[in-house]
N, C-alpha and C. Protein backbone atom coordinates (compact mmCIF):
# COMPACT_ATOMS: atom_id res chain seq x y z
N MET A 1 5.81 -3.20 27.16
CA MET A 1 4.98 -2.78 28.38
C MET A 1 5.13 -3.86 29.60
N SER A 2 5.00 -2.97 30.51
CA SER A 2 4.98 -3.56 32.39
C SER A 2 3.53 -4.22 32.29
N ALA A 3 3.65 -5.05 33.04
CA ALA A 3 2.09 -5.78 33.19
C ALA A 3 1.81 -5.39 34.68
N SER A 4 0.34 -5.12 34.82
CA SER A 4 -0.38 -4.43 35.96
C SER A 4 -0.18 -5.03 37.16
N PRO A 5 0.41 -4.62 38.06
CA PRO A 5 0.67 -4.94 39.58
C PRO A 5 -0.87 -5.97 39.93
N ARG A 6 -0.52 -7.52 40.27
CA ARG A 6 -1.87 -8.13 40.85
C ARG A 6 -1.26 -8.80 42.10
N LEU A 7 -2.61 -9.44 42.91
CA LEU A 7 -2.43 -10.17 44.16
C LEU A 7 -1.89 -11.35 43.73
N ALA A 8 -1.35 -12.45 44.70
CA ALA A 8 -0.94 -13.61 44.32
C ALA A 8 -2.20 -14.09 44.10
N GLN A 9 -1.61 -15.35 43.43
CA GLN A 9 -2.56 -16.50 42.88
C GLN A 9 -3.92 -16.84 44.51
N PRO A 10 -5.00 -16.75 44.58
CA PRO A 10 -6.02 -17.03 45.45
C PRO A 10 -5.37 -18.17 46.64
N PRO A 11 -5.19 -19.37 45.71
CA PRO A 11 -4.49 -20.42 46.83
C PRO A 11 -3.33 -20.38 47.39
N ALA A 12 -2.76 -19.24 47.28
CA ALA A 12 -1.40 -18.86 47.88
C ALA A 12 -1.71 -17.80 48.85
N LEU A 13 -2.93 -17.09 48.93
CA LEU A 13 -3.02 -16.22 49.48
C LEU A 13 -3.16 -16.28 50.86
N THR A 14 -2.53 -15.76 51.98
CA THR A 14 -2.65 -16.19 53.32
C THR A 14 -3.25 -14.97 53.94
N ALA A 15 -3.95 -14.57 55.00
CA ALA A 15 -4.42 -14.08 55.77
C ALA A 15 -4.12 -12.65 56.00
N ALA A 16 -2.44 -12.89 56.22
CA ALA A 16 -1.55 -11.78 56.55
C ALA A 16 -1.86 -10.87 55.38
N THR A 17 -1.43 -11.78 54.26
CA THR A 17 -1.12 -10.79 52.95
C THR A 17 -2.27 -10.24 52.78
N LEU A 18 -3.36 -10.48 52.82
CA LEU A 18 -4.83 -9.88 52.67
C LEU A 18 -5.42 -8.81 53.72
N ARG A 19 -4.79 -9.40 54.76
CA ARG A 19 -5.01 -8.16 56.00
C ARG A 19 -4.08 -7.00 55.78
N ALA A 20 -2.72 -6.90 55.26
CA ALA A 20 -1.63 -5.86 54.69
C ALA A 20 -2.49 -5.23 53.76
N ARG A 21 -3.02 -5.53 52.67
CA ARG A 21 -3.71 -5.16 51.38
C ARG A 21 -4.71 -4.31 51.83
N LEU A 22 -5.88 -4.83 52.65
CA LEU A 22 -7.06 -4.46 52.82
C LEU A 22 -6.78 -3.11 54.08
N ARG A 23 -5.71 -3.30 54.46
CA ARG A 23 -5.09 -1.77 55.45
C ARG A 23 -4.95 -0.81 54.51
N GLU A 24 -3.78 -1.23 53.52
CA GLU A 24 -3.95 -0.22 52.55
C GLU A 24 -5.05 0.33 51.67
N ALA A 25 -5.74 -0.30 51.71
CA ALA A 25 -7.15 -0.15 50.94
C ALA A 25 -8.28 0.68 51.67
N VAL A 26 -7.61 0.86 52.80
CA VAL A 26 -9.18 1.85 53.94
C VAL A 26 -8.77 2.97 53.58
N ALA A 27 -10.07 3.85 53.21
CA ALA A 27 -9.82 5.21 52.99
C ALA A 27 -9.65 5.95 54.29
N ALA A 28 -8.55 6.89 54.18
CA ALA A 28 -8.12 7.85 55.16
C ALA A 28 -9.25 8.69 55.54
N ASP A 29 -9.73 9.30 54.71
CA ASP A 29 -10.49 10.94 55.06
C ASP A 29 -12.12 10.54 54.50
N ARG A 30 -13.10 9.75 55.53
CA ARG A 30 -14.36 9.58 54.95
C ARG A 30 -15.25 10.73 55.47
N PRO A 31 -16.25 10.70 54.69
CA PRO A 31 -17.46 11.88 55.25
C PRO A 31 -18.06 10.94 56.56
N SER A 32 -18.47 11.30 57.41
CA SER A 32 -19.45 10.87 58.38
C SER A 32 -20.89 10.28 57.81
N PRO A 33 -21.05 9.22 57.93
CA PRO A 33 -22.55 8.50 57.37
C PRO A 33 -23.48 9.49 57.85
N ALA A 34 -23.61 10.45 58.79
CA ALA A 34 -24.67 11.33 59.55
C ALA A 34 -24.53 12.68 59.30
N ALA A 35 -23.38 12.84 58.42
CA ALA A 35 -22.89 14.00 58.01
C ALA A 35 -24.34 15.05 57.01
N ASP A 36 -24.84 13.95 56.38
CA ASP A 36 -25.98 14.65 55.58
C ASP A 36 -27.54 14.01 56.17
N ALA A 37 -28.02 14.75 56.88
CA ALA A 37 -29.45 14.45 57.25
C ALA A 37 -30.29 14.10 56.37
N ALA A 38 -30.22 14.33 55.35
CA ALA A 38 -31.68 13.78 54.06
C ALA A 38 -31.12 11.97 53.84
N LEU A 39 -29.81 11.78 53.90
CA LEU A 39 -29.71 10.18 53.89
C LEU A 39 -29.85 9.51 55.08
N ILE A 40 -30.14 8.30 54.96
CA ILE A 40 -30.15 7.33 55.97
C ILE A 40 -29.16 6.77 56.31
N PRO A 41 -28.51 6.61 57.32
CA PRO A 41 -27.02 6.03 57.54
C PRO A 41 -27.25 4.60 57.59
N ALA A 42 -26.30 3.81 56.77
CA ALA A 42 -26.47 2.25 56.70
C ALA A 42 -24.84 1.78 56.42
N ALA A 43 -24.90 0.67 57.08
CA ALA A 43 -23.76 -0.03 57.06
C ALA A 43 -23.79 -1.69 56.62
N VAL A 44 -22.58 -2.09 55.57
CA VAL A 44 -22.37 -3.21 55.11
C VAL A 44 -21.07 -3.79 55.90
N LEU A 45 -21.54 -5.21 56.14
CA LEU A 45 -19.91 -6.06 55.99
C LEU A 45 -19.34 -6.56 55.07
N VAL A 46 -18.51 -6.38 54.50
CA VAL A 46 -17.87 -6.68 53.49
C VAL A 46 -16.73 -7.71 54.00
N ALA A 47 -16.99 -9.01 54.06
CA ALA A 47 -16.21 -9.98 54.93
C ALA A 47 -15.70 -11.27 53.57
N PHE A 48 -14.39 -11.21 54.03
CA PHE A 48 -13.28 -12.10 53.49
C PHE A 48 -13.66 -13.60 53.70
N VAL A 49 -14.02 -14.58 52.93
CA VAL A 49 -14.30 -15.67 53.52
C VAL A 49 -12.34 -16.22 53.04
N LEU A 50 -11.98 -16.91 53.76
CA LEU A 50 -10.33 -17.32 53.66
C LEU A 50 -10.51 -18.74 53.72
N GLY A 51 -11.05 -19.45 52.79
CA GLY A 51 -11.06 -20.99 52.32
C GLY A 51 -9.99 -21.14 51.62
N PRO A 52 -9.99 -22.46 51.03
CA PRO A 52 -9.34 -22.53 49.88
C PRO A 52 -9.32 -21.72 48.68
N LEU A 53 -10.41 -21.42 48.29
CA LEU A 53 -10.27 -20.68 47.25
C LEU A 53 -11.07 -19.19 47.72
N PRO A 54 -10.18 -18.35 48.29
CA PRO A 54 -10.66 -17.03 48.93
C PRO A 54 -11.72 -16.35 48.40
N GLY A 55 -12.79 -15.59 48.91
CA GLY A 55 -13.85 -14.97 48.25
C GLY A 55 -14.37 -13.85 49.28
N VAL A 56 -15.59 -13.11 48.66
CA VAL A 56 -15.93 -11.76 49.63
C VAL A 56 -17.52 -12.32 49.86
N LEU A 57 -18.24 -12.26 50.83
CA LEU A 57 -19.03 -12.94 51.28
C LEU A 57 -20.55 -12.16 50.80
N LEU A 58 -21.31 -12.89 49.91
CA LEU A 58 -22.48 -11.97 49.70
C LEU A 58 -23.90 -12.73 49.97
N THR A 59 -24.97 -11.83 50.01
CA THR A 59 -26.26 -12.59 49.86
C THR A 59 -27.22 -12.25 48.81
N LYS A 60 -28.12 -12.95 48.62
CA LYS A 60 -29.25 -12.78 47.87
C LYS A 60 -30.63 -12.17 48.64
N ARG A 61 -31.34 -11.33 48.60
CA ARG A 61 -32.29 -10.68 49.66
C ARG A 61 -33.64 -11.53 48.99
N ALA A 62 -34.11 -11.87 50.13
CA ALA A 62 -35.46 -12.35 49.97
C ALA A 62 -36.50 -11.92 48.78
N ALA A 63 -37.09 -12.59 48.17
CA ALA A 63 -38.32 -11.82 47.00
C ALA A 63 -39.23 -11.18 47.68
N HIS A 64 -39.76 -11.81 49.02
CA HIS A 64 -41.11 -10.83 49.30
C HIS A 64 -40.46 -9.44 50.21
N LEU A 65 -39.36 -9.02 50.30
CA LEU A 65 -38.83 -7.82 50.77
C LEU A 65 -39.50 -6.67 50.51
N SER A 66 -39.51 -5.57 51.20
CA SER A 66 -40.36 -4.49 50.61
C SER A 66 -39.49 -3.81 49.59
N SER A 67 -38.13 -3.50 49.84
CA SER A 67 -36.88 -2.72 49.25
C SER A 67 -35.84 -4.09 48.90
N HIS A 68 -35.21 -3.63 47.68
CA HIS A 68 -34.33 -4.21 46.97
C HIS A 68 -34.45 -5.90 46.94
N ALA A 69 -35.86 -6.09 46.68
CA ALA A 69 -35.95 -7.52 46.96
C ALA A 69 -35.39 -8.39 45.85
N GLY A 70 -35.03 -9.39 46.25
CA GLY A 70 -34.37 -10.38 44.92
C GLY A 70 -32.87 -9.84 44.78
N GLN A 71 -32.30 -8.68 45.19
CA GLN A 71 -31.07 -8.41 44.99
C GLN A 71 -29.66 -8.76 45.73
N VAL A 72 -28.78 -8.74 45.12
CA VAL A 72 -27.61 -9.41 45.72
C VAL A 72 -27.08 -8.12 46.57
N SER A 73 -26.65 -8.54 47.69
CA SER A 73 -26.10 -7.19 48.55
C SER A 73 -25.11 -7.88 50.05
N PHE A 74 -24.46 -7.26 50.41
CA PHE A 74 -23.70 -7.54 51.70
C PHE A 74 -24.59 -7.58 52.80
N PRO A 75 -24.30 -8.48 53.78
CA PRO A 75 -25.08 -8.29 55.08
C PRO A 75 -24.88 -6.80 55.50
N GLY A 76 -26.34 -6.18 55.82
CA GLY A 76 -26.25 -5.12 56.51
C GLY A 76 -27.34 -4.34 56.48
N GLY A 77 -27.81 -3.25 56.80
CA GLY A 77 -28.58 -2.33 57.03
C GLY A 77 -28.69 -0.97 57.70
N ARG A 78 -29.70 -0.42 58.17
CA ARG A 78 -29.40 0.83 58.93
C ARG A 78 -28.74 1.04 59.71
N ILE A 79 -27.75 2.05 60.53
CA ILE A 79 -27.11 1.72 61.47
C ILE A 79 -27.94 2.74 62.79
N ASP A 80 -28.64 1.81 63.55
CA ASP A 80 -29.36 2.11 64.69
C ASP A 80 -28.83 3.13 65.64
N ALA A 81 -29.63 3.78 66.29
CA ALA A 81 -28.63 4.60 67.62
C ALA A 81 -28.14 4.23 68.54
N ALA A 82 -28.82 2.42 68.79
CA ALA A 82 -28.02 1.81 70.08
C ALA A 82 -26.67 0.84 69.63
N ASP A 83 -26.45 1.02 67.98
CA ASP A 83 -25.17 0.41 67.73
C ASP A 83 -24.20 1.13 67.86
N GLY A 84 -23.99 2.50 67.91
CA GLY A 84 -22.83 2.84 68.35
C GLY A 84 -21.78 3.08 67.15
N GLY A 85 -22.31 2.65 66.07
CA GLY A 85 -21.42 3.06 64.93
C GLY A 85 -21.62 1.91 63.87
N ALA A 86 -20.53 2.30 62.88
CA ALA A 86 -21.06 1.34 61.44
C ALA A 86 -20.39 -0.15 61.75
N GLU A 87 -19.46 -0.10 62.59
CA GLU A 87 -19.07 -1.70 63.01
C GLU A 87 -20.00 -2.56 63.93
N ALA A 88 -20.61 -1.54 64.36
CA ALA A 88 -21.52 -2.75 65.21
C ALA A 88 -22.72 -3.12 64.46
N ALA A 89 -23.23 -1.98 63.74
CA ALA A 89 -24.42 -2.26 63.10
C ALA A 89 -24.07 -3.19 61.80
N ALA A 90 -22.79 -3.21 61.26
CA ALA A 90 -22.64 -4.33 60.15
C ALA A 90 -22.63 -5.53 60.75
N LEU A 91 -21.53 -5.77 61.80
CA LEU A 91 -21.99 -6.98 62.46
C LEU A 91 -23.04 -7.32 62.94
N ARG A 92 -23.90 -6.73 63.69
CA ARG A 92 -25.41 -7.26 64.31
C ARG A 92 -26.11 -7.65 63.08
N GLU A 93 -26.14 -6.84 62.00
CA GLU A 93 -26.98 -7.26 60.57
C GLU A 93 -26.62 -8.37 60.45
N ALA A 94 -25.31 -8.45 60.11
CA ALA A 94 -24.80 -9.77 59.62
C ALA A 94 -25.25 -11.00 60.30
N GLY A 95 -25.41 -10.82 61.98
CA GLY A 95 -25.73 -11.91 62.64
C GLY A 95 -27.05 -12.22 62.68
N GLU A 96 -28.02 -11.26 62.49
CA GLU A 96 -29.35 -11.46 61.90
C GLU A 96 -29.47 -11.88 60.57
N GLU A 97 -28.88 -11.64 59.79
CA GLU A 97 -29.25 -11.90 58.41
C GLU A 97 -28.51 -13.41 57.76
N VAL A 98 -27.33 -13.88 58.34
CA VAL A 98 -26.75 -15.15 58.08
C VAL A 98 -26.17 -15.91 59.23
N GLY A 99 -26.57 -15.32 60.42
CA GLY A 99 -26.10 -16.19 61.45
C GLY A 99 -24.58 -16.10 61.57
N LEU A 100 -24.00 -14.83 61.44
CA LEU A 100 -22.27 -14.92 61.78
C LEU A 100 -22.16 -14.47 62.83
N ASP A 101 -21.30 -15.24 63.70
CA ASP A 101 -20.97 -14.94 64.74
C ASP A 101 -19.76 -13.78 65.09
N PRO A 102 -20.46 -12.81 65.35
CA PRO A 102 -19.30 -11.35 65.61
C PRO A 102 -17.87 -11.69 66.10
N ALA A 103 -17.81 -12.98 66.69
CA ALA A 103 -16.47 -12.96 67.23
C ALA A 103 -15.60 -13.99 66.49
N LEU A 104 -16.01 -13.93 65.34
CA LEU A 104 -15.00 -14.74 63.81
C LEU A 104 -14.60 -13.72 63.39
N VAL A 105 -15.25 -12.43 63.22
CA VAL A 105 -14.96 -11.17 62.41
C VAL A 105 -13.89 -10.64 62.84
N GLU A 106 -12.80 -10.24 61.96
CA GLU A 106 -11.70 -9.55 62.36
C GLU A 106 -12.21 -7.76 61.55
N ILE A 107 -12.22 -7.12 62.29
CA ILE A 107 -12.63 -5.82 61.45
C ILE A 107 -10.94 -5.16 61.07
N VAL A 108 -11.10 -4.91 59.85
CA VAL A 108 -9.94 -4.18 59.24
C VAL A 108 -9.97 -2.30 59.21
N GLY A 109 -11.17 -2.26 58.89
CA GLY A 109 -11.35 -1.02 58.66
C GLY A 109 -12.77 -0.56 57.53
N ARG A 110 -12.77 0.30 57.19
CA ARG A 110 -13.92 1.32 56.13
C ARG A 110 -13.41 1.23 55.01
N LEU A 111 -14.30 1.31 53.86
CA LEU A 111 -14.16 1.94 52.68
C LEU A 111 -14.80 3.24 52.51
N ASP A 112 -14.78 3.97 51.49
CA ASP A 112 -15.46 5.12 50.97
C ASP A 112 -16.99 4.86 50.90
N ASP A 113 -17.79 5.91 51.78
CA ASP A 113 -19.04 5.52 51.72
C ASP A 113 -20.00 5.62 50.16
N VAL A 114 -20.88 5.19 50.17
CA VAL A 114 -21.73 4.93 48.87
C VAL A 114 -23.04 5.59 48.86
N VAL A 115 -23.66 6.40 48.22
CA VAL A 115 -24.76 7.07 48.24
C VAL A 115 -25.65 6.29 47.41
N THR A 116 -26.57 5.69 47.73
CA THR A 116 -27.76 5.10 46.53
C THR A 116 -28.98 6.26 46.62
N GLY A 117 -29.60 5.73 45.05
CA GLY A 117 -30.61 6.75 44.75
C GLY A 117 -32.05 6.49 45.45
N THR A 118 -31.56 5.40 46.51
CA THR A 118 -33.08 5.06 47.67
C THR A 118 -32.83 6.15 48.85
N GLY A 119 -31.65 7.04 48.78
CA GLY A 119 -31.54 7.64 49.75
C GLY A 119 -30.71 7.18 51.13
N PHE A 120 -29.89 6.32 50.63
CA PHE A 120 -28.78 5.64 52.07
C PHE A 120 -27.36 6.16 51.56
N ARG A 121 -26.88 6.23 52.57
CA ARG A 121 -25.59 6.45 52.45
C ARG A 121 -24.64 5.42 53.23
N ILE A 122 -24.32 4.57 52.46
CA ILE A 122 -23.90 3.03 52.85
C ILE A 122 -22.03 3.20 53.58
N THR A 123 -22.18 2.78 54.44
CA THR A 123 -20.31 2.53 55.07
C THR A 123 -20.09 0.90 55.05
N PRO A 124 -18.96 0.69 54.13
CA PRO A 124 -18.68 -0.43 53.97
C PRO A 124 -17.79 -1.12 54.93
N VAL A 125 -17.66 -1.77 55.68
CA VAL A 125 -16.95 -2.33 56.75
C VAL A 125 -16.28 -3.31 56.51
N LEU A 126 -14.74 -3.72 56.52
CA LEU A 126 -14.01 -4.56 55.75
C LEU A 126 -13.77 -5.23 56.96
N GLY A 127 -13.92 -6.96 56.92
CA GLY A 127 -13.64 -7.83 57.64
C GLY A 127 -12.94 -9.18 57.05
N LEU A 128 -12.33 -9.56 57.83
CA LEU A 128 -11.54 -11.13 57.68
C LEU A 128 -12.62 -12.16 58.52
N LEU A 129 -12.86 -13.18 57.91
CA LEU A 129 -13.15 -14.50 58.66
C LEU A 129 -12.10 -15.46 58.79
N PRO A 130 -12.24 -16.41 59.65
CA PRO A 130 -11.09 -17.32 59.92
C PRO A 130 -10.64 -17.88 58.70
N GLU A 131 -9.18 -17.91 58.94
CA GLU A 131 -8.42 -18.78 57.71
C GLU A 131 -8.73 -20.32 57.87
N GLY A 132 -8.97 -20.60 56.50
CA GLY A 132 -9.20 -21.91 56.20
C GLY A 132 -10.23 -22.68 56.22
N ARG A 133 -11.46 -21.31 56.38
CA ARG A 133 -12.89 -21.79 56.66
C ARG A 133 -13.49 -21.41 55.25
N ASP A 134 -14.04 -22.75 54.47
CA ASP A 134 -14.99 -22.01 53.30
C ASP A 134 -16.32 -21.96 53.93
N LEU A 135 -17.43 -21.58 53.44
CA LEU A 135 -18.62 -21.26 53.23
C LEU A 135 -19.17 -22.23 54.28
N ALA A 136 -19.00 -23.57 53.96
CA ALA A 136 -19.63 -24.39 54.57
C ALA A 136 -19.07 -24.36 55.93
N ALA A 137 -17.74 -24.43 56.24
CA ALA A 137 -17.23 -24.42 57.52
C ALA A 137 -17.65 -23.17 58.48
N LEU A 138 -18.11 -22.27 57.92
CA LEU A 138 -18.26 -20.98 58.72
C LEU A 138 -19.84 -21.58 59.61
N ASN A 139 -20.82 -22.56 58.98
CA ASN A 139 -22.07 -23.02 59.75
C ASN A 139 -22.96 -21.85 59.84
N LEU A 140 -23.43 -21.06 58.59
CA LEU A 140 -23.81 -20.31 58.78
C LEU A 140 -25.57 -20.41 58.75
N LEU A 141 -26.10 -19.35 59.22
CA LEU A 141 -27.48 -19.95 59.21
C LEU A 141 -28.74 -18.76 58.85
N PRO A 142 -28.58 -18.73 57.61
CA PRO A 142 -29.44 -17.42 57.08
C PRO A 142 -30.73 -17.10 57.58
N SER A 143 -31.51 -16.19 58.03
CA SER A 143 -32.90 -15.67 58.05
C SER A 143 -33.81 -16.24 56.62
N ALA A 144 -34.72 -17.02 56.94
CA ALA A 144 -35.53 -17.58 55.81
C ALA A 144 -36.40 -16.14 55.54
N HIS A 145 -36.35 -15.32 56.47
CA HIS A 145 -37.28 -13.73 56.22
C HIS A 145 -36.89 -12.87 55.13
N GLU A 146 -35.07 -13.03 55.53
CA GLU A 146 -34.44 -12.00 54.64
C GLU A 146 -33.48 -12.36 53.59
N VAL A 147 -32.63 -13.73 53.52
CA VAL A 147 -31.88 -14.20 52.80
C VAL A 147 -32.39 -15.27 52.06
N ALA A 148 -32.36 -15.25 50.88
CA ALA A 148 -32.52 -16.57 49.83
C ALA A 148 -31.84 -17.21 49.66
N ALA A 149 -30.19 -16.54 49.65
CA ALA A 149 -29.08 -17.43 49.26
C ALA A 149 -27.97 -16.63 50.08
N VAL A 150 -26.72 -17.53 50.32
CA VAL A 150 -25.52 -16.90 50.68
C VAL A 150 -24.43 -17.68 49.73
N PHE A 151 -23.66 -16.85 49.27
CA PHE A 151 -22.50 -17.22 48.22
C PHE A 151 -21.43 -16.40 48.54
N ASP A 152 -20.45 -16.41 47.52
CA ASP A 152 -19.19 -15.55 47.45
C ASP A 152 -18.90 -15.19 46.25
N LEU A 153 -18.40 -14.15 46.07
CA LEU A 153 -17.60 -13.59 44.59
C LEU A 153 -16.16 -14.11 45.03
N LYS A 154 -15.21 -14.78 44.12
CA LYS A 154 -14.04 -15.68 44.07
C LYS A 154 -13.31 -14.13 44.41
N LEU A 155 -12.25 -14.02 44.99
CA LEU A 155 -10.98 -13.50 44.91
C LEU A 155 -10.52 -12.94 43.32
N SER A 156 -10.23 -14.08 42.72
CA SER A 156 -9.46 -13.90 41.48
C SER A 156 -10.24 -13.33 40.49
N VAL A 157 -11.73 -13.41 40.87
CA VAL A 157 -12.89 -12.52 39.74
C VAL A 157 -12.51 -11.20 40.29
N LEU A 158 -12.45 -10.59 41.51
CA LEU A 158 -12.88 -9.54 42.08
C LEU A 158 -11.31 -8.82 41.76
N ILE A 159 -10.57 -9.52 41.48
CA ILE A 159 -9.05 -8.46 41.28
C ILE A 159 -8.81 -8.42 39.71
N ASP A 160 -9.65 -8.99 38.99
CA ASP A 160 -9.41 -9.14 37.48
C ASP A 160 -10.36 -7.74 37.02
N PRO A 161 -9.29 -7.12 36.60
CA PRO A 161 -9.87 -5.89 36.11
C PRO A 161 -11.12 -5.77 34.84
N ALA A 162 -10.95 -7.13 34.01
CA ALA A 162 -11.71 -7.19 33.00
C ALA A 162 -13.00 -7.68 32.98
N ALA A 163 -13.22 -8.12 34.57
CA ALA A 163 -14.26 -9.09 35.22
C ALA A 163 -15.51 -8.15 34.94
N PRO A 164 -15.79 -6.97 35.56
CA PRO A 164 -17.32 -6.15 35.86
C PRO A 164 -16.97 -5.60 34.46
N GLN A 165 -18.30 -5.24 34.18
CA GLN A 165 -19.11 -4.38 32.89
C GLN A 165 -19.89 -3.60 33.12
N ARG A 166 -19.54 -2.46 32.13
CA ARG A 166 -20.61 -1.30 32.57
C ARG A 166 -21.81 -1.45 31.64
N LYS A 167 -22.74 -1.46 32.11
CA LYS A 167 -24.02 -1.70 31.45
C LYS A 167 -24.97 -0.54 31.72
N ALA A 168 -26.31 -0.06 30.96
CA ALA A 168 -27.11 1.00 30.75
C ALA A 168 -28.28 0.47 30.71
N GLY A 169 -29.21 0.87 31.47
CA GLY A 169 -31.00 0.35 31.59
C GLY A 169 -31.77 1.71 31.90
N HIS A 170 -32.96 1.55 31.61
CA HIS A 170 -33.87 2.59 31.75
C HIS A 170 -34.33 1.99 33.33
N PHE A 171 -34.26 2.95 34.01
CA PHE A 171 -34.69 3.08 35.71
C PHE A 171 -35.28 4.39 35.94
N GLY A 172 -37.01 4.14 36.57
CA GLY A 172 -37.29 5.57 36.92
C GLY A 172 -37.59 6.71 36.00
N GLY A 173 -37.55 5.76 34.58
CA GLY A 173 -37.96 7.30 33.82
C GLY A 173 -36.36 7.56 33.15
N LYS A 174 -35.28 6.95 33.28
CA LYS A 174 -34.09 7.80 33.08
C LYS A 174 -33.39 6.31 32.74
N TRP A 175 -32.40 6.91 31.84
CA TRP A 175 -31.23 5.83 31.19
C TRP A 175 -30.08 6.16 31.94
N ARG A 176 -29.78 4.97 32.67
CA ARG A 176 -28.33 4.89 33.67
C ARG A 176 -27.76 3.98 33.52
N GLU A 177 -26.42 4.12 34.00
CA GLU A 177 -25.32 3.45 33.74
C GLU A 177 -24.85 2.80 35.03
N TYR A 178 -24.37 1.09 34.94
CA TYR A 178 -24.30 0.41 36.30
C TYR A 178 -23.04 -0.20 36.10
N TRP A 179 -22.27 -0.94 36.89
CA TRP A 179 -21.51 -1.63 36.76
C TRP A 179 -22.58 -3.18 36.88
N LEU A 180 -21.67 -4.43 36.60
CA LEU A 180 -22.34 -5.62 36.67
C LEU A 180 -21.06 -6.51 36.74
N TRP A 181 -21.06 -7.59 37.57
CA TRP A 181 -20.15 -8.52 37.79
C TRP A 181 -20.49 -9.70 37.52
N PRO A 182 -19.72 -10.68 36.92
CA PRO A 182 -19.99 -11.89 36.19
C PRO A 182 -20.09 -12.87 37.46
N HIS A 183 -21.44 -13.83 37.43
CA HIS A 183 -21.35 -14.86 38.62
C HIS A 183 -22.08 -15.91 37.43
N ASP A 184 -21.71 -17.53 38.12
CA ASP A 184 -22.82 -18.27 37.38
C ASP A 184 -24.31 -18.35 37.60
N GLU A 185 -24.65 -18.17 38.85
CA GLU A 185 -26.11 -17.93 39.19
C GLU A 185 -26.75 -16.83 39.88
N HIS A 186 -25.99 -15.47 39.95
CA HIS A 186 -26.48 -14.28 40.61
C HIS A 186 -26.28 -13.14 39.69
N ILE A 187 -27.20 -12.26 39.65
CA ILE A 187 -26.95 -10.80 38.96
C ILE A 187 -26.20 -9.78 40.13
N ILE A 188 -24.85 -9.50 40.09
CA ILE A 188 -24.61 -8.44 41.17
C ILE A 188 -24.24 -7.21 40.34
N TRP A 189 -25.02 -6.08 40.81
CA TRP A 189 -25.29 -4.80 40.46
C TRP A 189 -25.47 -3.84 41.34
N GLY A 190 -26.06 -2.30 41.16
CA GLY A 190 -26.08 -1.39 42.09
C GLY A 190 -25.51 -1.18 43.12
N ALA A 191 -25.35 -0.80 44.02
CA ALA A 191 -24.51 -0.50 45.24
C ALA A 191 -23.64 -1.39 45.74
N THR A 192 -23.97 -2.70 45.57
CA THR A 192 -23.29 -3.83 45.92
C THR A 192 -22.05 -3.94 44.57
N ALA A 193 -22.30 -3.91 43.66
CA ALA A 193 -21.35 -3.88 42.54
C ALA A 193 -20.35 -2.72 42.59
N THR A 194 -21.05 -1.65 42.98
CA THR A 194 -20.22 0.11 43.11
C THR A 194 -18.93 -0.37 44.56
N ILE A 195 -19.49 -0.94 45.28
CA ILE A 195 -18.86 -1.00 46.57
C ILE A 195 -17.38 -2.49 46.08
N LEU A 196 -17.76 -2.98 45.40
CA LEU A 196 -17.01 -4.28 44.78
C LEU A 196 -15.82 -3.48 44.09
N ILE A 197 -16.34 -2.59 43.07
CA ILE A 197 -15.53 -1.62 42.41
C ILE A 197 -14.36 -1.07 42.55
N ASN A 198 -14.83 -0.49 44.00
CA ASN A 198 -13.93 0.60 44.72
C ASN A 198 -12.95 -0.46 45.39
N LEU A 199 -13.44 -1.59 46.13
CA LEU A 199 -12.74 -2.55 46.58
C LEU A 199 -11.78 -3.11 45.91
N ALA A 200 -11.64 -3.36 44.71
CA ALA A 200 -10.81 -4.17 43.57
C ALA A 200 -10.26 -2.95 43.39
N ALA A 201 -10.48 -1.55 42.94
CA ALA A 201 -9.13 -0.79 42.47
C ALA A 201 -8.33 -0.66 43.65
N ARG A 202 -9.00 -0.51 45.05
CA ARG A 202 -7.59 -0.48 46.34
C ARG A 202 -6.74 -1.64 45.81
N LEU A 203 -7.68 -2.63 46.01
CA LEU A 203 -6.81 -4.02 46.23
C LEU A 203 -5.32 -4.17 44.94
N ARG A 204 -5.80 -3.58 44.08
CA ARG A 204 -4.58 -3.27 42.80
C ARG A 204 -4.08 -2.13 42.90
N GLY A 205 -4.22 -1.63 43.93
CA GLY A 205 -3.41 -0.18 43.93
C GLY A 205 -3.86 1.02 43.26
N GLU A 206 -4.79 1.05 42.60
CA GLU A 206 -5.39 2.01 41.79
C GLU A 206 -5.38 3.48 42.43
N GLY A 207 -5.84 3.04 43.92
CA GLY A 207 -6.26 4.57 44.47
C GLY A 207 -7.60 4.47 44.77
């Protein structure tokens, strides 16, 4: 039996290789975030940290926030009329939440929208951060009001098809299934986990 195709080992991964794979992963035909008036359009920045051990930038939301408090998420939020699109919104929110300079982000494209049970249509915007810089070298300044922690999910975990687990829980009076990603310090589930599942499948060439 032939082995499933995999990415190169993270230490040998170059920005050019990942850029090419991400461009292949970008969805060709996506529904517009504003297509359904009943859903609130939002955007998140799925940014790859290209340090010695590449990973995807994630945050843990502050515990006092009114929605999704304490949950792991990508930097992002609602798309405002002044943003002009998902890319601008994702960059603006990343600047506000973690102090990321938008000039450091190379936008690659978008993944399929994800609709949440809370009424949002989220557009994941893919981006590359400068090669050779880990999280510390990016000099991020997280907002104390919005962000409790900034960390990354290593690429080696992201592309491992055995890493995420399918779980079930009781939410809002109903049993629901959801994805859970392994991490030593944080629980990664919900819309964030779903976006990571979609991204990982695309990176492995699974459509």
